Each structure stands twice: as C-alpha cells, then as structure tokens.
Amino acid sequence: MSRVRRFAPVLGLLLLAPWVGEFLLGTSPIQNLAAALVLLLPMYGGGALLIREVARRSGRGWPTMLFLGAAYGMIQACLIDQSLFNPTYLNFELNRIVAPIPFIGISAYDLLSFVGGHAIWSICVPIAIVEMLTPSRRETPWLGNKGLFSISILVLVGCAIIFSFTYMEERFIASLLQLTGGAIGAFVFISIGFILKKNNRTANESEALIKPIHLGIASFAASSLFFSRPESWGGVIWGVCILLLSWILISRWSRHRDWSIQHHFAIIAGTLLTYVWGGFTMTLLLWPDNTWAWIGNVIFALMAIALLAVTAKRIHNPVG
C-alpha cells in the first residue's frame, strides 16, 4: 500500500471534521475558510482522529465513539473555548435564561446543543463517512504508535491555540466550580464510553429489518427535530427523548443479522443533510447581511450532497 493511500483517510478526517462542525453548519463563513482551518484542524480533526483510533484499537465501536465525542464536546465548550460559561461569547448571548441550571450558571439547552452537536456532527459523522470511503479499513487502526502519539500532541496544541485565541478575544475565564464541573462531565462520558461494548450481531430474523431508505428518512427527521427544538426546558426534554429513542432503536436494529453498511450510510446521510439546511438557518441568525456567507452555504451544501453521492457509490463498489 502506497504512503499516499495509507494516509488518505487520516488527512480526510483531519479536514472533514472541522468542515462539518463549523463550515457546513454555517457558524464560520466561507471567507474564513483558510484561517479557520489552520486554527480548528488540530483540535477538531485531531480530536476526531484520536477518538476513532482509540476506539478501534480497543476493539470498541460506535457507542464508545459517541460517548468519547460527548466528552470532546464537554472539553471544548467547558475547558477550552469556555463558550458554555461565557454569556457574551463572540458577542452572542448564548447563556440567556434558557433552561438554567442552578449554581453553575449554564443553560441546559446550550449544554445539550454543544455536547450533542459535537458528538454527532463534529466527531461521529466525519468518522463514519471517511470509514465508508475506505471500506477495507473501516475497523482497523490507521496509525501506528508514533502516529497516535503525534496526533495526541496535535490535539493538545490545537486546544492551546483555541484557548489562547479565545482568551485574547474574550478575556474570560470560567469559575473553578464551572471548570471542575466540566472536567467531571467529560470524565463521566469517557468512563461510560469504555464501559460500553460494540454491538454484536444476532441471528434474529423474527422481525423485519427497516429498509435503508426508510432509515435515512427517519434519521433526517430525527436529527432535524433535534436541531430545531424550541429554546426552553421543553426543548431540552424533547432533545433528550429524541437521543434516547434513536439510541434504543439503532441499537436494536443494528443487532439484526441483515444490518448492512447501507443502513449505516442511511443514518449518516440523513444526519448530514440536517446540517445542509441548518447551515442556512445559522447564517440567517449570525450573518444575515454577509453575501459571501450565503454563497458559502450554497457551495458547502452542494459539496455535502456530492460527498454523500461519492460515499454511496463507494459502499456499493467497495474496491480496496
């Protein structure tokens, strides 16, 4: 295997994670693409790659990656950019009185948004797409020990860059209680991630398995409902119920002996397409008068659709 082919999924994930997590979502406009990628790639891309390698090396699967992704979201929002605690982060009032959590001064709505958003879209969706683009290496490590060490250093450097950049802009440091709470939350998610084991297939054929096309529609509907939930305690409960129901159903269906990569693709496709329309919504909220941001939305949406088309073709013709 050539060096280029060997490291292609590594580079792909390093680039895809920040692109999905920030640019497709619309929180970073297209004119900031080059500069933002330099800032975000080490933490976003390195974080996704580190999570993927740790999970695959330990013989675990998607449950572990999802909870490690949640831990990543806690670390970023609570310890690195501290956006969950800063009421004037980037001049946007994130921590207004929306489902407040007493004593630690945060919004439960924002907590669910940051942790769930990073776990699903910044981490798991990019990992899944790159793995499906390299079907023969989906469940094997992509890096050796030296590569894993290098990525770990890259993530630490990325965290330091984002922390320094954010502090220079915001001049904000969360309280000790808040930082401790964020660290404990991340530790809990990591612990759960390593307790969970990979789902095993069963020979159960007593129930009909959902068709991939129906699963894709359901995935798009569920992720869209999660993304558009109302900003209230009702919205928090709504979001938690969607996540729990999705977890239960996917865990059950994925144990079926006829569960396939097409089902896996359907989940990811529906979820990614939510960010396609969500990106326009975020631009309307954040950059309504920025023409380049709207142009970027169109370009990124077309790129996402093209990426899904290439991925679909790849899983139906898994060569190499």
C-alpha atoms as a PDB file:
ATOM      1  CA  MET A   1       0.000   0.000   0.000  1.00  0.00           C
ATOM      2  CA  SER A   2       1.424   3.370  -1.044  1.00  0.00           C
ATOM      3  CA  ARG A   3       2.093   6.051   1.543  1.00  0.00           C
ATOM      4  CA  VAL A   4      -0.485   8.378  -0.048  1.00  0.00           C
ATOM      5  CA  ARG A   5      -3.185   5.706   0.037  1.00  0.00           C
ATOM      6  CA  ARG A   6      -2.250   4.722   3.565  1.00  0.00           C
ATOM      7  CA  PHE A   7      -2.622   8.215   4.978  1.00  0.00           C
ATOM      8  CA  ALA A   8      -5.535   9.369   2.798  1.00  0.00           C
ATOM      9  CA  PRO A   9      -8.203   8.568   5.449  1.00  0.00           C
ATOM     10  CA  VAL A  10      -6.118  10.332   8.098  1.00  0.00           C
ATOM     11  CA  LEU A  11      -5.922  13.521   6.053  1.00  0.00           C
ATOM     12  CA  GLY A  12      -9.566  13.161   5.037  1.00  0.00           C
ATOM     13  CA  LEU A  13     -10.768  13.016   8.632  1.00  0.00           C
ATOM     14  CA  LEU A  14      -8.495  15.871   9.712  1.00  0.00           C
ATOM     15  CA  LEU A  15     -10.151  18.093   7.092  1.00  0.00           C
ATOM     16  CA  LEU A  16     -13.697  16.771   7.243  1.00  0.00           C
ATOM     17  CA  ALA A  17     -14.282  17.148  10.996  1.00  0.00           C
ATOM     18  CA  PRO A  18     -13.800  20.950  11.146  1.00  0.00           C
ATOM     19  CA  TRP A  19     -15.585  21.388   7.820  1.00  0.00           C
ATOM     20  CA  VAL A  20     -18.742  19.639   9.015  1.00  0.00           C
ATOM     21  CA  GLY A  21     -18.579  21.008  12.557  1.00  0.00           C
ATOM     22  CA  GLU A  22     -18.124  24.667  11.609  1.00  0.00           C
ATOM     23  CA  PHE A  23     -18.482  25.438   7.910  1.00  0.00           C
ATOM     24  CA  LEU A  24     -21.346  23.220   6.793  1.00  0.00           C
ATOM     25  CA  LEU A  25     -23.161  24.294   9.969  1.00  0.00           C
ATOM     26  CA  GLY A  26     -22.709  27.940   8.989  1.00  0.00           C
ATOM     27  CA  THR A  27     -21.001  29.145  12.161  1.00  0.00           C
ATOM     28  CA  SER A  28     -17.890  30.058  10.136  1.00  0.00           C
ATOM     29  CA  PRO A  29     -18.404  31.816   6.767  1.00  0.00           C
ATOM     30  CA  ILE A  30     -16.522  30.738   3.666  1.00  0.00           C
ATOM     31  CA  GLN A  31     -14.193  33.745   3.598  1.00  0.00           C
ATOM     32  CA  ASN A  32     -12.697  32.491   6.879  1.00  0.00           C
ATOM     33  CA  LEU A  33     -12.076  29.010   5.490  1.00  0.00           C
ATOM     34  CA  ALA A  34      -8.278  29.057   5.203  1.00  0.00           C
ATOM     35  CA  ALA A  35      -7.573  30.821   8.503  1.00  0.00           C
ATOM     36  CA  ALA A  36     -10.202  28.901  10.439  1.00  0.00           C
ATOM     37  CA  LEU A  37      -8.983  25.537   9.175  1.00  0.00           C
ATOM     38  CA  VAL A  38      -5.498  26.348  10.459  1.00  0.00           C
ATOM     39  CA  LEU A  39      -6.994  27.151  13.868  1.00  0.00           C
ATOM     40  CA  LEU A  40      -9.600  24.400  14.000  1.00  0.00           C
ATOM     41  CA  LEU A  41      -7.996  21.427  12.235  1.00  0.00           C
ATOM     42  CA  PRO A  42      -5.689  20.395  15.123  1.00  0.00           C
ATOM     43  CA  MET A  43      -8.490  20.290  17.702  1.00  0.00           C
ATOM     44  CA  TYR A  44     -11.462  19.208  15.571  1.00  0.00           C
ATOM     45  CA  GLY A  45      -9.687  16.939  13.111  1.00  0.00           C
ATOM     46  CA  GLY A  46      -7.121  15.717  15.607  1.00  0.00           C
ATOM     47  CA  GLY A  47      -9.831  15.076  18.193  1.00  0.00           C
ATOM     48  CA  ALA A  48     -11.959  13.049  15.771  1.00  0.00           C
ATOM     49  CA  LEU A  49      -8.951  11.038  14.632  1.00  0.00           C
ATOM     50  CA  LEU A  50      -7.769  10.387  18.189  1.00  0.00           C
ATOM     51  CA  ILE A  51     -11.235   9.219  19.246  1.00  0.00           C
ATOM     52  CA  ARG A  52     -11.513   6.953  16.228  1.00  0.00           C
ATOM     53  CA  GLU A  53      -8.086   5.395  16.761  1.00  0.00           C
ATOM     54  CA  VAL A  54      -8.611   4.804  20.486  1.00  0.00           C
ATOM     55  CA  ALA A  55     -11.991   3.159  19.877  1.00  0.00           C
ATOM     56  CA  ARG A  56     -10.776   0.933  17.056  1.00  0.00           C
ATOM     57  CA  ARG A  57      -7.560  -0.052  18.824  1.00  0.00           C
ATOM     58  CA  SER A  58      -9.517  -1.106  21.909  1.00  0.00           C
ATOM     59  CA  GLY A  59     -11.915  -3.225  19.848  1.00  0.00           C
ATOM     60  CA  ARG A  60     -14.878  -0.982  20.530  1.00  0.00           C
ATOM     61  CA  GLY A  61     -17.310   0.616  18.155  1.00  0.00           C
ATOM     62  CA  TRP A  62     -19.845   3.397  17.734  1.00  0.00           C
ATOM     63  CA  PRO A  63     -21.232   3.527  21.290  1.00  0.00           C
ATOM     64  CA  THR A  64     -17.723   4.270  22.532  1.00  0.00           C
ATOM     65  CA  MET A  65     -17.030   6.841  19.822  1.00  0.00           C
ATOM     66  CA  LEU A  66     -20.313   8.602  20.532  1.00  0.00           C
ATOM     67  CA  PHE A  67     -19.572   8.989  24.248  1.00  0.00           C
ATOM     68  CA  LEU A  68     -15.964   9.983  23.615  1.00  0.00           C
ATOM     69  CA  GLY A  69     -17.385  12.562  21.201  1.00  0.00           C
ATOM     70  CA  ALA A  70     -19.632  13.825  24.005  1.00  0.00           C
ATOM     71  CA  ALA A  71     -16.548  14.114  26.223  1.00  0.00           C
ATOM     72  CA  TYR A  72     -14.867  16.080  23.432  1.00  0.00           C
ATOM     73  CA  GLY A  73     -17.855  18.438  23.371  1.00  0.00           C
ATOM     74  CA  MET A  74     -17.623  18.949  27.143  1.00  0.00           C
ATOM     75  CA  ILE A  75     -13.898  19.622  26.987  1.00  0.00           C
ATOM     76  CA  GLN A  76     -14.199  22.126  24.162  1.00  0.00           C
ATOM     77  CA  ALA A  77     -17.232  24.027  25.450  1.00  0.00           C
ATOM     78  CA  CYS A  78     -16.281  23.942  29.153  1.00  0.00           C
ATOM     79  CA  LEU A  79     -12.484  23.916  29.328  1.00  0.00           C
ATOM     80  CA  ILE A  80     -11.069  25.210  26.036  1.00  0.00           C
ATOM     81  CA  ASP A  81     -13.184  27.977  24.489  1.00  0.00           C
ATOM     82  CA  GLN A  82     -15.484  28.004  27.577  1.00  0.00           C
ATOM     83  CA  SER A  83     -18.366  29.095  25.362  1.00  0.00           C
ATOM     84  CA  LEU A  84     -20.844  27.292  27.601  1.00  0.00           C
ATOM     85  CA  PHE A  85     -19.981  29.579  30.513  1.00  0.00           C
ATOM     86  CA  ASN A  86     -19.266  32.879  28.780  1.00  0.00           C
ATOM     87  CA  PRO A  87     -22.520  34.907  28.474  1.00  0.00           C
ATOM     88  CA  THR A  88     -21.020  37.208  25.820  1.00  0.00           C
ATOM     89  CA  TYR A  89     -19.076  34.647  23.796  1.00  0.00           C
ATOM     90  CA  LEU A  90     -18.304  36.129  20.356  1.00  0.00           C
ATOM     91  CA  ASN A  91     -20.799  38.893  21.168  1.00  0.00           C
ATOM     92  CA  PHE A  92     -23.701  36.436  21.095  1.00  0.00           C
ATOM     93  CA  GLU A  93     -25.853  35.949  24.164  1.00  0.00           C
ATOM     94  CA  LEU A  94     -25.568  32.176  24.417  1.00  0.00           C
ATOM     95  CA  ASN A  95     -26.281  31.864  28.102  1.00  0.00           C
ATOM     96  CA  ARG A  96     -29.502  33.803  28.299  1.00  0.00           C
ATOM     97  CA  ILE A  97     -32.141  32.412  30.648  1.00  0.00           C
ATOM     98  CA  VAL A  98     -32.986  29.276  28.698  1.00  0.00           C
ATOM     99  CA  ALA A  99     -33.427  26.206  30.900  1.00  0.00           C
ATOM    100  CA  PRO A 100     -30.917  27.459  33.507  1.00  0.00           C
ATOM    101  CA  ILE A 101     -29.019  25.011  35.691  1.00  0.00           C
ATOM    102  CA  PRO A 102     -28.628  26.468  39.211  1.00  0.00           C
ATOM    103  CA  PHE A 103     -25.259  27.039  40.921  1.00  0.00           C
ATOM    104  CA  ILE A 104     -23.031  26.546  37.870  1.00  0.00           C
ATOM    105  CA  GLY A 105     -24.651  29.231  35.740  1.00  0.00           C
ATOM    106  CA  ILE A 106     -25.226  27.470  32.452  1.00  0.00           C
ATOM    107  CA  SER A 107     -28.106  26.744  30.123  1.00  0.00           C
ATOM    108  CA  ALA A 108     -29.224  23.113  29.867  1.00  0.00           C
ATOM    109  CA  TYR A 109     -30.350  23.881  26.325  1.00  0.00           C
ATOM    110  CA  ASP A 110     -26.889  25.074  25.304  1.00  0.00           C
ATOM    111  CA  LEU A 111     -25.251  22.163  27.117  1.00  0.00           C
ATOM    112  CA  LEU A 112     -27.287  19.671  25.095  1.00  0.00           C
ATOM    113  CA  SER A 113     -26.612  21.618  21.888  1.00  0.00           C
ATOM    114  CA  PHE A 114     -22.854  21.774  22.348  1.00  0.00           C
ATOM    115  CA  VAL A 115     -22.315  18.248  23.646  1.00  0.00           C
ATOM    116  CA  GLY A 116     -24.802  16.581  21.299  1.00  0.00           C
ATOM    117  CA  GLY A 117     -23.754  18.657  18.306  1.00  0.00           C
ATOM    118  CA  HIS A 118     -20.061  17.902  18.705  1.00  0.00           C
ATOM    119  CA  ALA A 119     -20.583  14.202  19.494  1.00  0.00           C
ATOM    120  CA  ILE A 120     -22.825  13.602  16.485  1.00  0.00           C
ATOM    121  CA  TRP A 121     -21.746  16.030  13.782  1.00  0.00           C
ATOM    122  CA  SER A 122     -18.181  17.091  14.623  1.00  0.00           C
ATOM    123  CA  ILE A 123     -16.969  13.596  15.553  1.00  0.00           C
ATOM    124  CA  CYS A 124     -19.151  10.629  14.548  1.00  0.00           C
ATOM    125  CA  VAL A 125     -20.462  11.794  11.164  1.00  0.00           C
ATOM    126  CA  PRO A 126     -16.992  12.630   9.741  1.00  0.00           C
ATOM    127  CA  ILE A 127     -15.527   9.382  11.101  1.00  0.00           C
ATOM    128  CA  ALA A 128     -18.346   7.350   9.557  1.00  0.00           C
ATOM    129  CA  ILE A 129     -18.020   8.997   6.142  1.00  0.00           C
ATOM    130  CA  VAL A 130     -14.251   8.512   5.926  1.00  0.00           C
ATOM    131  CA  GLU A 131     -14.552   4.910   7.104  1.00  0.00           C
ATOM    132  CA  MET A 132     -17.156   4.194   4.419  1.00  0.00           C
ATOM    133  CA  LEU A 133     -14.866   5.753   1.817  1.00  0.00           C
ATOM    134  CA  THR A 134     -12.174   3.236   2.869  1.00  0.00           C
ATOM    135  CA  PRO A 135     -14.316   0.089   3.345  1.00  0.00           C
ATOM    136  CA  SER A 136     -11.447  -2.387   3.621  1.00  0.00           C
ATOM    137  CA  ARG A 137     -10.034  -0.422   6.578  1.00  0.00           C
ATOM    138  CA  ARG A 138     -13.261   0.554   8.339  1.00  0.00           C
ATOM    139  CA  GLU A 139     -12.485  -1.190  11.624  1.00  0.00           C
ATOM    140  CA  THR A 140      -8.693  -1.251  11.619  1.00  0.00           C
ATOM    141  CA  PRO A 141      -6.333   1.405  13.051  1.00  0.00           C
ATOM    142  CA  TRP A 142      -4.981   3.910  10.568  1.00  0.00           C
ATOM    143  CA  LEU A 143      -1.974   4.972  12.641  1.00  0.00           C
ATOM    144  CA  GLY A 144       0.948   3.271  14.335  1.00  0.00           C
ATOM    145  CA  ASN A 145       2.162   4.139  17.819  1.00  0.00           C
ATOM    146  CA  LYS A 146       4.226   7.084  16.572  1.00  0.00           C
ATOM    147  CA  GLY A 147       1.288   8.404  14.591  1.00  0.00           C
ATOM    148  CA  LEU A 148      -1.028   8.097  17.576  1.00  0.00           C
ATOM    149  CA  PHE A 149       1.459   9.974  19.752  1.00  0.00           C
ATOM    150  CA  SER A 150       1.792  12.696  17.090  1.00  0.00           C
ATOM    151  CA  ILE A 151      -1.976  13.113  16.850  1.00  0.00           C
ATOM    152  CA  SER A 152      -2.215  13.365  20.642  1.00  0.00           C
ATOM    153  CA  ILE A 153       0.327  16.191  20.586  1.00  0.00           C
ATOM    154  CA  LEU A 154      -1.565  17.821  17.703  1.00  0.00           C
ATOM    155  CA  VAL A 155      -4.780  17.803  19.747  1.00  0.00           C
ATOM    156  CA  LEU A 156      -3.036  19.386  22.739  1.00  0.00           C
ATOM    157  CA  VAL A 157      -1.513  22.044  20.504  1.00  0.00           C
ATOM    158  CA  GLY A 158      -4.924  22.663  18.938  1.00  0.00           C
ATOM    159  CA  CYS A 159      -6.531  23.060  22.358  1.00  0.00           C
ATOM    160  CA  ALA A 160      -3.811  25.524  23.375  1.00  0.00           C
ATOM    161  CA  ILE A 161      -4.310  27.519  20.164  1.00  0.00           C
ATOM    162  CA  ILE A 162      -8.085  27.773  20.594  1.00  0.00           C
ATOM    163  CA  PHE A 163      -7.795  28.586  24.299  1.00  0.00           C
ATOM    164  CA  SER A 164      -5.220  31.336  23.661  1.00  0.00           C
ATOM    165  CA  PHE A 165      -7.091  32.785  20.700  1.00  0.00           C
ATOM    166  CA  THR A 166     -10.409  32.785  22.585  1.00  0.00           C
ATOM    167  CA  TYR A 167      -8.911  34.317  25.722  1.00  0.00           C
ATOM    168  CA  MET A 168      -7.297  37.134  23.732  1.00  0.00           C
ATOM    169  CA  GLU A 169     -10.681  37.891  22.175  1.00  0.00           C
ATOM    170  CA  GLU A 170     -12.931  37.376  25.206  1.00  0.00           C
ATOM    171  CA  ARG A 171     -10.742  37.913  28.307  1.00  0.00           C
ATOM    172  CA  PHE A 172     -12.946  35.403  30.087  1.00  0.00           C
ATOM    173  CA  ILE A 173     -12.068  32.546  32.452  1.00  0.00           C
ATOM    174  CA  ALA A 174     -14.799  30.376  33.961  1.00  0.00           C
ATOM    175  CA  SER A 175     -15.030  29.860  37.714  1.00  0.00           C
ATOM    176  CA  LEU A 176     -13.289  26.959  39.434  1.00  0.00           C
ATOM    177  CA  LEU A 177     -16.659  25.346  40.093  1.00  0.00           C
ATOM    178  CA  GLN A 178     -17.604  25.570  36.429  1.00  0.00           C
ATOM    179  CA  LEU A 179     -14.269  24.204  35.225  1.00  0.00           C
ATOM    180  CA  THR A 180     -14.445  21.361  37.739  1.00  0.00           C
ATOM    181  CA  GLY A 181     -17.980  20.518  36.640  1.00  0.00           C
ATOM    182  CA  GLY A 182     -16.897  20.436  33.001  1.00  0.00           C
ATOM    183  CA  ALA A 183     -13.940  18.169  33.790  1.00  0.00           C
ATOM    184  CA  ILE A 184     -16.130  15.794  35.796  1.00  0.00           C
ATOM    185  CA  GLY A 185     -18.689  15.680  32.990  1.00  0.00           C
ATOM    186  CA  ALA A 186     -16.002  14.812  30.442  1.00  0.00           C
ATOM    187  CA  PHE A 187     -14.617  12.102  32.742  1.00  0.00           C
ATOM    188  CA  VAL A 188     -18.092  10.578  33.143  1.00  0.00           C
ATOM    189  CA  PHE A 189     -18.612  10.437  29.378  1.00  0.00           C
ATOM    190  CA  ILE A 190     -15.168   8.872  28.844  1.00  0.00           C
ATOM    191  CA  SER A 191     -15.848   6.274  31.543  1.00  0.00           C
ATOM    192  CA  ILE A 192     -19.194   5.332  30.009  1.00  0.00           C
ATOM    193  CA  GLY A 193     -17.553   5.115  26.609  1.00  0.00           C
ATOM    194  CA  PHE A 194     -15.095   2.497  27.789  1.00  0.00           C
ATOM    195  CA  ILE A 195     -17.704   0.555  29.746  1.00  0.00           C
ATOM    196  CA  LEU A 196     -19.852   0.119  26.650  1.00  0.00           C
ATOM    197  CA  LYS A 197     -19.010  -2.619  24.197  1.00  0.00           C
ATOM    198  CA  LYS A 198     -19.501  -2.972  20.485  1.00  0.00           C
ATOM    199  CA  ASN A 199     -22.903  -4.291  19.412  1.00  0.00           C
ATOM    200  CA  ASN A 200     -22.861  -7.942  18.356  1.00  0.00           C
ATOM    201  CA  ARG A 201     -24.997  -9.238  15.529  1.00  0.00           C
ATOM    202  CA  THR A 202     -27.635 -11.864  16.301  1.00  0.00           C
ATOM    203  CA  ALA A 203     -29.360 -14.397  14.125  1.00  0.00           C
ATOM    204  CA  ASN A 204     -32.769 -12.955  14.984  1.00  0.00           C
ATOM    205  CA  GLU A 205     -34.960 -12.945  11.886  1.00  0.00           C
ATOM    206  CA  SER A 206     -38.302 -12.827  13.681  1.00  0.00           C
ATOM    207  CA  GLU A 207     -38.650  -9.112  12.967  1.00  0.00           C
ATOM    208  CA  ALA A 208     -38.452  -7.361   9.638  1.00  0.00           C
ATOM    209  CA  LEU A 209     -35.485  -5.013   9.445  1.00  0.00           C
ATOM    210  CA  ILE A 210     -36.175  -1.409   8.481  1.00  0.00           C
ATOM    211  CA  LYS A 211     -35.198  -0.589   4.895  1.00  0.00           C
ATOM    212  CA  PRO A 212     -32.234   1.770   4.394  1.00  0.00           C
ATOM    213  CA  ILE A 213     -34.347   4.349   2.561  1.00  0.00           C
ATOM    214  CA  HIS A 214     -36.831   4.471   5.426  1.00  0.00           C
ATOM    215  CA  LEU A 215     -33.999   4.632   7.933  1.00  0.00           C
ATOM    216  CA  GLY A 216     -32.468   7.565   6.056  1.00  0.00           C
ATOM    217  CA  ILE A 217     -35.752   9.469   6.126  1.00  0.00           C
ATOM    218  CA  ALA A 218     -36.170   8.720   9.834  1.00  0.00           C
ATOM    219  CA  SER A 219     -32.597   9.822  10.514  1.00  0.00           C
ATOM    220  CA  PHE A 220     -33.150  13.111   8.702  1.00  0.00           C
ATOM    221  CA  ALA A 221     -36.431  13.694  10.551  1.00  0.00           C
ATOM    222  CA  ALA A 222     -34.995  12.874  13.986  1.00  0.00           C
ATOM    223  CA  SER A 223     -31.823  14.939  13.546  1.00  0.00           C
ATOM    224  CA  SER A 224     -33.840  17.845  12.126  1.00  0.00           C
ATOM    225  CA  LEU A 225     -36.218  17.732  15.090  1.00  0.00           C
ATOM    226  CA  PHE A 226     -33.236  17.698  17.447  1.00  0.00           C
ATOM    227  CA  PHE A 227     -31.603  20.631  15.634  1.00  0.00           C
ATOM    228  CA  SER A 228     -34.806  22.718  15.569  1.00  0.00           C
ATOM    229  CA  ARG A 229     -36.107  22.011  19.075  1.00  0.00           C
ATOM    230  CA  PRO A 230     -37.510  25.053  20.933  1.00  0.00           C
ATOM    231  CA  GLU A 231     -35.298  27.035  23.302  1.00  0.00           C
ATOM    232  CA  SER A 232     -36.909  26.004  26.575  1.00  0.00           C
ATOM    233  CA  TRP A 233     -36.953  23.202  29.149  1.00  0.00           C
ATOM    234  CA  GLY A 234     -39.487  21.579  26.838  1.00  0.00           C
ATOM    235  CA  GLY A 235     -36.871  21.710  24.090  1.00  0.00           C
ATOM    236  CA  VAL A 236     -34.300  20.098  26.380  1.00  0.00           C
ATOM    237  CA  ILE A 237     -36.677  17.261  27.235  1.00  0.00           C
ATOM    238  CA  TRP A 238     -37.591  16.967  23.557  1.00  0.00           C
ATOM    239  CA  GLY A 239     -33.930  16.687  22.571  1.00  0.00           C
ATOM    240  CA  VAL A 240     -33.099  14.120  25.250  1.00  0.00           C
ATOM    241  CA  CYS A 241     -36.090  11.984  24.237  1.00  0.00           C
ATOM    242  CA  ILE A 242     -35.014  12.072  20.580  1.00  0.00           C
ATOM    243  CA  LEU A 243     -31.481  10.992  21.506  1.00  0.00           C
ATOM    244  CA  LEU A 244     -32.670   8.194  23.797  1.00  0.00           C
ATOM    245  CA  LEU A 245     -35.233   6.866  21.323  1.00  0.00           C
ATOM    246  CA  SER A 246     -32.698   6.983  18.494  1.00  0.00           C
ATOM    247  CA  TRP A 247     -30.145   5.137  20.646  1.00  0.00           C
ATOM    248  CA  ILE A 248     -32.653   2.403  21.560  1.00  0.00           C
ATOM    249  CA  LEU A 249     -33.908   1.859  18.024  1.00  0.00           C
ATOM    250  CA  ILE A 250     -30.497   1.904  16.330  1.00  0.00           C
ATOM    251  CA  SER A 251     -29.030  -0.406  18.978  1.00  0.00           C
ATOM    252  CA  ARG A 252     -31.869  -2.840  18.388  1.00  0.00           C
ATOM    253  CA  TRP A 253     -31.833  -2.697  14.604  1.00  0.00           C
ATOM    254  CA  SER A 254     -28.029  -2.902  14.321  1.00  0.00           C
ATOM    255  CA  ARG A 255     -28.028  -6.293  16.088  1.00  0.00           C
ATOM    256  CA  HIS A 256     -30.043  -7.819  13.253  1.00  0.00           C
ATOM    257  CA  ARG A 257     -28.044 -10.217  11.098  1.00  0.00           C
ATOM    258  CA  ASP A 258     -29.100  -8.359   7.927  1.00  0.00           C
ATOM    259  CA  TRP A 259     -27.922  -4.965   9.171  1.00  0.00           C
ATOM    260  CA  SER A 260     -25.553  -3.637   6.495  1.00  0.00           C
ATOM    261  CA  ILE A 261     -23.306  -0.769   5.565  1.00  0.00           C
ATOM    262  CA  GLN A 262     -26.252   0.629   3.571  1.00  0.00           C
ATOM    263  CA  HIS A 263     -28.163   1.050   6.849  1.00  0.00           C
ATOM    264  CA  HIS A 264     -25.140   2.739   8.377  1.00  0.00           C
ATOM    265  CA  PHE A 265     -24.905   5.072   5.388  1.00  0.00           C
ATOM    266  CA  ALA A 266     -28.608   5.911   5.630  1.00  0.00           C
ATOM    267  CA  ILE A 267     -28.193   7.125   9.221  1.00  0.00           C
ATOM    268  CA  ILE A 268     -25.197   9.262   8.346  1.00  0.00           C
ATOM    269  CA  ALA A 269     -26.739  10.681   5.167  1.00  0.00           C
ATOM    270  CA  GLY A 270     -29.915  11.778   6.940  1.00  0.00           C
ATOM    271  CA  THR A 271     -27.928  13.322   9.769  1.00  0.00           C
ATOM    272  CA  LEU A 272     -25.506  15.200   7.498  1.00  0.00           C
ATOM    273  CA  LEU A 273     -28.354  16.606   5.404  1.00  0.00           C
ATOM    274  CA  THR A 274     -29.738  18.242   8.537  1.00  0.00           C
ATOM    275  CA  TYR A 275     -26.647  20.439   8.644  1.00  0.00           C
ATOM    276  CA  VAL A 276     -27.204  21.288   4.971  1.00  0.00           C
ATOM    277  CA  TRP A 277     -30.435  23.135   5.759  1.00  0.00           C
ATOM    278  CA  GLY A 278     -29.240  24.016   9.254  1.00  0.00           C
ATOM    279  CA  GLY A 279     -26.333  25.946   7.775  1.00  0.00           C
ATOM    280  CA  PHE A 280     -28.717  28.356   6.061  1.00  0.00           C
ATOM    281  CA  THR A 281     -30.588  28.801   9.338  1.00  0.00           C
ATOM    282  CA  MET A 282     -27.387  29.619  11.211  1.00  0.00           C
ATOM    283  CA  THR A 283     -26.341  32.101   8.545  1.00  0.00           C
ATOM    284  CA  LEU A 284     -29.712  33.809   8.847  1.00  0.00           C
ATOM    285  CA  LEU A 285     -29.136  34.139  12.597  1.00  0.00           C
ATOM    286  CA  LEU A 286     -25.438  35.015  12.593  1.00  0.00           C
ATOM    287  CA  TRP A 287     -24.550  36.579   9.229  1.00  0.00           C
ATOM    288  CA  PRO A 288     -27.816  37.736   7.592  1.00  0.00           C
ATOM    289  CA  ASP A 289     -26.146  40.552   5.618  1.00  0.00           C
ATOM    290  CA  ASN A 290     -22.999  38.640   4.645  1.00  0.00           C
ATOM    291  CA  THR A 291     -23.323  37.805   0.944  1.00  0.00           C
ATOM    292  CA  TRP A 292     -20.243  35.586   0.991  1.00  0.00           C
ATOM    293  CA  ALA A 293     -21.672  33.569   3.873  1.00  0.00           C
ATOM    294  CA  TRP A 294     -24.800  32.814   1.802  1.00  0.00           C
ATOM    295  CA  ILE A 295     -22.677  31.886  -1.210  1.00  0.00           C
ATOM    296  CA  GLY A 296     -20.643  29.640   1.069  1.00  0.00           C
ATOM    297  CA  ASN A 297     -23.819  27.934   2.272  1.00  0.00           C
ATOM    298  CA  VAL A 298     -24.727  27.023  -1.299  1.00  0.00           C
ATOM    299  CA  ILE A 299     -21.219  25.771  -2.091  1.00  0.00           C
ATOM    300  CA  PHE A 300     -20.966  23.744   1.120  1.00  0.00           C
ATOM    301  CA  ALA A 301     -24.445  22.267   0.642  1.00  0.00           C
ATOM    302  CA  LEU A 302     -23.530  21.098  -2.857  1.00  0.00           C
ATOM    303  CA  MET A 303     -20.252  19.696  -1.526  1.00  0.00           C
ATOM    304  CA  ALA A 304     -22.108  17.732   1.161  1.00  0.00           C
ATOM    305  CA  ILE A 305     -24.526  16.256  -1.384  1.00  0.00           C
ATOM    306  CA  ALA A 306     -21.635  15.352  -3.694  1.00  0.00           C
ATOM    307  CA  LEU A 307     -19.767  13.754  -0.790  1.00  0.00           C
ATOM    308  CA  LEU A 308     -22.786  11.604   0.036  1.00  0.00           C
ATOM    309  CA  ALA A 309     -23.120  10.599  -3.623  1.00  0.00           C
ATOM    310  CA  VAL A 310     -19.471   9.530  -3.769  1.00  0.00           C
ATOM    311  CA  THR A 311     -19.811   7.666  -0.472  1.00  0.00           C
ATOM    312  CA  ALA A 312     -22.939   5.861  -1.678  1.00  0.00           C
ATOM    313  CA  LYS A 313     -21.149   4.770  -4.823  1.00  0.00           C
ATOM    314  CA  ARG A 314     -18.163   3.655  -2.804  1.00  0.00           C
ATOM    315  CA  ILE A 315     -20.117   1.386  -0.457  1.00  0.00           C
ATOM    316  CA  HIS A 316     -21.839  -0.239  -3.407  1.00  0.00           C
ATOM    317  CA  ASN A 317     -18.494  -0.806  -5.127  1.00  0.00           C
ATOM    318  CA  PRO A 318     -16.094  -1.468  -2.219  1.00  0.00           C
ATOM    319  CA  VAL A 319     -12.798  -1.809  -4.033  1.00  0.00           C
ATOM    320  CA  GLY A 320      -9.671  -1.517  -1.851  1.00  0.00           C
END
